[in-house]
C-alpha atoms as a PDB file:
ATOM      1  CA  UNK A   1      48.591   9.043  34.378  1.00  0.00           C
ATOM      2  CA  UNK A   2      50.684   6.026  33.468  1.00  0.00           C
ATOM      3  CA  UNK A   3      49.429   3.378  31.080  1.00  0.00           C
ATOM      4  CA  UNK A   4      50.902  -0.100  31.420  1.00  0.00           C
ATOM      5  CA  UNK A   5      50.663  -2.975  28.951  1.00  0.00           C
ATOM      6  CA  UNK A   6      52.008  -6.440  29.756  1.00  0.00           C
ATOM      7  CA  UNK A   7      53.040  -9.023  27.186  1.00  0.00           C
ATOM      8  CA  UNK A   8      54.950 -12.276  26.976  1.00  0.00           C
ATOM      9  CA  UNK A   9      52.672 -14.639  28.825  1.00  0.00           C
ATOM     10  CA  UNK A  10      51.812 -18.069  27.545  1.00  0.00           C
ATOM     11  CA  UNK A  11      51.867 -21.789  28.138  1.00  0.00           C
ATOM     12  CA  UNK A  12      55.138 -23.427  29.174  1.00  0.00           C
ATOM     13  CA  UNK A  13      56.157 -26.768  30.613  1.00  0.00           C
ATOM     14  CA  UNK A  14      57.489 -27.051  34.129  1.00  0.00           C
ATOM     15  CA  UNK A  15      61.165 -26.178  34.205  1.00  0.00           C
ATOM     16  CA  UNK A  16      60.816 -23.820  31.278  1.00  0.00           C
ATOM     17  CA  UNK A  17      61.267 -20.072  31.016  1.00  0.00           C
ATOM     18  CA  UNK A  18      59.287 -17.017  29.994  1.00  0.00           C
ATOM     19  CA  UNK A  19      60.080 -13.328  29.861  1.00  0.00           C
ATOM     20  CA  UNK A  20      57.308 -10.875  30.554  1.00  0.00           C
ATOM     21  CA  UNK A  21      57.467  -7.268  29.441  1.00  0.00           C
ATOM     22  CA  UNK A  22      55.574  -4.256  30.678  1.00  0.00           C
ATOM     23  CA  UNK A  23      55.576  -1.206  28.427  1.00  0.00           C
ATOM     24  CA  UNK A  24      54.715   2.113  29.999  1.00  0.00           C
ATOM     25  CA  UNK A  25      53.463   5.346  28.508  1.00  0.00           C
ATOM     26  CA  UNK A  26      52.294   8.602  29.950  1.00  0.00           C
ATOM     27  CA  UNK A  27      54.077  10.357  32.774  1.00  0.00           C
ATOM     28  CA  UNK A  28      57.770   9.898  33.480  1.00  0.00           C
ATOM     29  CA  UNK A  29      58.338   6.162  33.735  1.00  0.00           C
ATOM     30  CA  UNK A  30      61.764   6.501  35.293  1.00  0.00           C
ATOM     31  CA  UNK A  31      60.351   8.208  38.379  1.00  0.00           C
ATOM     32  CA  UNK A  32      58.317   5.138  39.394  1.00  0.00           C
ATOM     33  CA  UNK A  33      59.146   1.966  41.209  1.00  0.00           C
ATOM     34  CA  UNK A  34      57.719  -0.938  39.233  1.00  0.00           C
ATOM     35  CA  UNK A  35      56.269  -4.093  40.678  1.00  0.00           C
ATOM     36  CA  UNK A  36      55.064  -7.427  39.389  1.00  0.00           C
ATOM     37  CA  UNK A  37      52.159  -9.177  41.044  1.00  0.00           C
ATOM     38  CA  UNK A  38      50.225 -12.318  40.253  1.00  0.00           C
ATOM     39  CA  UNK A  39      46.803 -13.713  40.931  1.00  0.00           C
ATOM     40  CA  UNK A  40      45.855 -17.340  40.645  1.00  0.00           C
ATOM     41  CA  UNK A  41      42.202 -18.471  40.411  1.00  0.00           C
ATOM     42  CA  UNK A  42      40.496 -18.249  43.781  1.00  0.00           C
ATOM     43  CA  UNK A  43      43.459 -16.544  45.412  1.00  0.00           C
ATOM     44  CA  UNK A  44      44.329 -13.001  46.346  1.00  0.00           C
ATOM     45  CA  UNK A  45      46.725 -10.931  44.293  1.00  0.00           C
ATOM     46  CA  UNK A  46      50.228 -11.479  45.632  1.00  0.00           C
ATOM     47  CA  UNK A  47      53.524  -9.646  45.433  1.00  0.00           C
ATOM     48  CA  UNK A  48      56.187 -11.143  43.184  1.00  0.00           C
ATOM     49  CA  UNK A  49      58.948  -8.547  42.872  1.00  0.00           C
ATOM     50  CA  UNK A  50      59.646  -4.825  42.732  1.00  0.00           C
ATOM     51  CA  UNK A  51      62.423  -2.673  41.303  1.00  0.00           C
ATOM     52  CA  UNK A  52      63.358   0.885  42.230  1.00  0.00           C
ATOM     53  CA  UNK A  53      63.191   3.742  39.757  1.00  0.00           C
ATOM     54  CA  UNK A  54      66.928   3.489  39.090  1.00  0.00           C
ATOM     55  CA  UNK A  55      67.033  -0.294  39.002  1.00  0.00           C
ATOM     56  CA  UNK A  56      69.478  -0.275  41.881  1.00  0.00           C
ATOM     57  CA  UNK A  57      67.211  -1.998  44.383  1.00  0.00           C
ATOM     58  CA  UNK A  58      65.082  -5.082  43.945  1.00  0.00           C
ATOM     59  CA  UNK A  59      63.020  -7.278  46.252  1.00  0.00           C
ATOM     60  CA  UNK A  60      61.511 -10.687  45.638  1.00  0.00           C
ATOM     61  CA  UNK A  61      58.920 -12.901  47.217  1.00  0.00           C
ATOM     62  CA  UNK A  62      60.529 -15.955  48.801  1.00  0.00           C
ATOM     63  CA  UNK A  63      58.589 -18.203  46.434  1.00  0.00           C
ATOM     64  CA  UNK A  64      60.371 -16.814  43.360  1.00  0.00           C
ATOM     65  CA  UNK A  65      63.761 -15.823  44.750  1.00  0.00           C
ATOM     66  CA  UNK A  66      66.563 -17.332  42.704  1.00  0.00           C
ATOM     67  CA  UNK A  67      64.240 -18.163  39.801  1.00  0.00           C
ATOM     68  CA  UNK A  68      62.797 -14.807  38.722  1.00  0.00           C
ATOM     69  CA  UNK A  69      64.686 -11.634  37.830  1.00  0.00           C
ATOM     70  CA  UNK A  70      63.222  -8.172  37.434  1.00  0.00           C
ATOM     71  CA  UNK A  71      64.949  -5.513  35.348  1.00  0.00           C
ATOM     72  CA  UNK A  72      64.080  -2.264  33.661  1.00  0.00           C
ATOM     73  CA  UNK A  73      65.169  -0.169  30.707  1.00  0.00           C
ATOM     74  CA  UNK A  74      64.185   3.424  31.348  1.00  0.00           C
ATOM     75  CA  UNK A  75      65.204   4.439  27.842  1.00  0.00           C
ATOM     76  CA  UNK A  76      62.560   2.050  26.503  1.00  0.00           C
ATOM     77  CA  UNK A  77      60.008   2.684  29.263  1.00  0.00           C
ATOM     78  CA  UNK A  78      59.871  -1.042  29.877  1.00  0.00           C
ATOM     79  CA  UNK A  79      60.208  -3.366  32.834  1.00  0.00           C
ATOM     80  CA  UNK A  80      60.904  -7.068  32.422  1.00  0.00           C
ATOM     81  CA  UNK A  81      60.344 -10.208  34.426  1.00  0.00           C
ATOM     82  CA  UNK A  82      62.569 -13.125  33.495  1.00  0.00           C
ATOM     83  CA  UNK A  83      61.068 -16.316  34.879  1.00  0.00           C
ATOM     84  CA  UNK A  84      63.176 -19.471  34.936  1.00  0.00           C
ATOM     85  CA  UNK A  85      62.616 -22.932  36.373  1.00  0.00           C
ATOM     86  CA  UNK A  86      58.880 -22.378  36.238  1.00  0.00           C
ATOM     87  CA  UNK A  87      56.609 -24.516  38.382  1.00  0.00           C
ATOM     88  CA  UNK A  88      52.902 -25.317  38.031  1.00  0.00           C
ATOM     89  CA  UNK A  89      52.256 -23.199  41.122  1.00  0.00           C
ATOM     90  CA  UNK A  90      53.522 -20.168  39.194  1.00  0.00           C
ATOM     91  CA  UNK A  91      50.396 -20.358  37.055  1.00  0.00           C
ATOM     92  CA  UNK A  92      48.536 -17.056  37.391  1.00  0.00           C
ATOM     93  CA  UNK A  93      47.686 -13.800  35.710  1.00  0.00           C
ATOM     94  CA  UNK A  94      50.713 -11.547  36.049  1.00  0.00           C
ATOM     95  CA  UNK A  95      50.309  -7.824  36.452  1.00  0.00           C
ATOM     96  CA  UNK A  96      52.783  -4.979  36.421  1.00  0.00           C
ATOM     97  CA  UNK A  97      52.127  -1.908  38.491  1.00  0.00           C
ATOM     98  CA  UNK A  98      53.679   1.494  39.144  1.00  0.00           C
ATOM     99  CA  UNK A  99      54.153   3.327  42.379  1.00  0.00           C
ATOM    100  CA  UNK A 100      56.273   6.129  43.746  1.00  0.00           C
ATOM    101  CA  UNK A 101      57.608   3.951  46.579  1.00  0.00           C
ATOM    102  CA  UNK A 102      59.455   0.645  46.744  1.00  0.00           C
ATOM    103  CA  UNK A 103      56.710  -1.349  48.463  1.00  0.00           C
ATOM    104  CA  UNK A 104      55.069  -4.759  48.326  1.00  0.00           C
ATOM    105  CA  UNK A 105      51.445  -4.030  49.159  1.00  0.00           C
ATOM    106  CA  UNK A 106      49.295  -4.149  46.024  1.00  0.00           C
ATOM    107  CA  UNK A 107      46.711  -1.765  47.478  1.00  0.00           C
ATOM    108  CA  UNK A 108      49.346   0.973  47.571  1.00  0.00           C
ATOM    109  CA  UNK A 109      50.070   0.888  43.836  1.00  0.00           C
ATOM    110  CA  UNK A 110      48.690   3.669  41.694  1.00  0.00           C
ATOM    111  CA  UNK A 111      48.681   2.226  38.186  1.00  0.00           C
ATOM    112  CA  UNK A 112      48.077  -1.280  36.866  1.00  0.00           C
ATOM    113  CA  UNK A 113      48.275  -3.113  33.593  1.00  0.00           C
ATOM    114  CA  UNK A 114      45.591  -5.456  32.327  1.00  0.00           C
ATOM    115  CA  UNK A 115      47.564  -8.608  33.082  1.00  0.00           C
ATOM    116  CA  UNK A 116      49.007 -11.467  31.068  1.00  0.00           C
ATOM    117  CA  UNK A 117      48.273 -15.148  31.639  1.00  0.00           C
ATOM    118  CA  UNK A 118      51.095 -17.521  32.506  1.00  0.00           C
ATOM    119  CA  UNK A 119      50.269 -21.214  32.568  1.00  0.00           C
ATOM    120  CA  UNK A 120      52.829 -23.809  33.605  1.00  0.00           C
ATOM    121  CA  UNK A 121      51.969 -27.412  32.818  1.00  0.00           C
ATOM    122  CA  UNK A 122      53.329 -30.331  34.800  1.00  0.00           C
END
């Protein structure tokens, strides 16, 4: 089992920045690929980004490429999502998730956090 807890969400104006954190406990964090997903009201959960267990590979959704950066610190069992140049359409609940493979499909992820709300005002 892996327990995931997100933090760092909040209210920010368009153009601003936030950094989300996801702290993991339980089984070996460094063996998992870690993804970030988001879900806006009335919409399906969508892929944002994923990072390999080593941090050597990352993938981003086109909608966030160049604005968001995922990173991880395996010594601290934490994955981060730096979000810059935020837009109102980034407003959503953001979730981190763990999986053994570097994939984008949310249904394939094994462990999920409870989510943190990000609201971007115009």
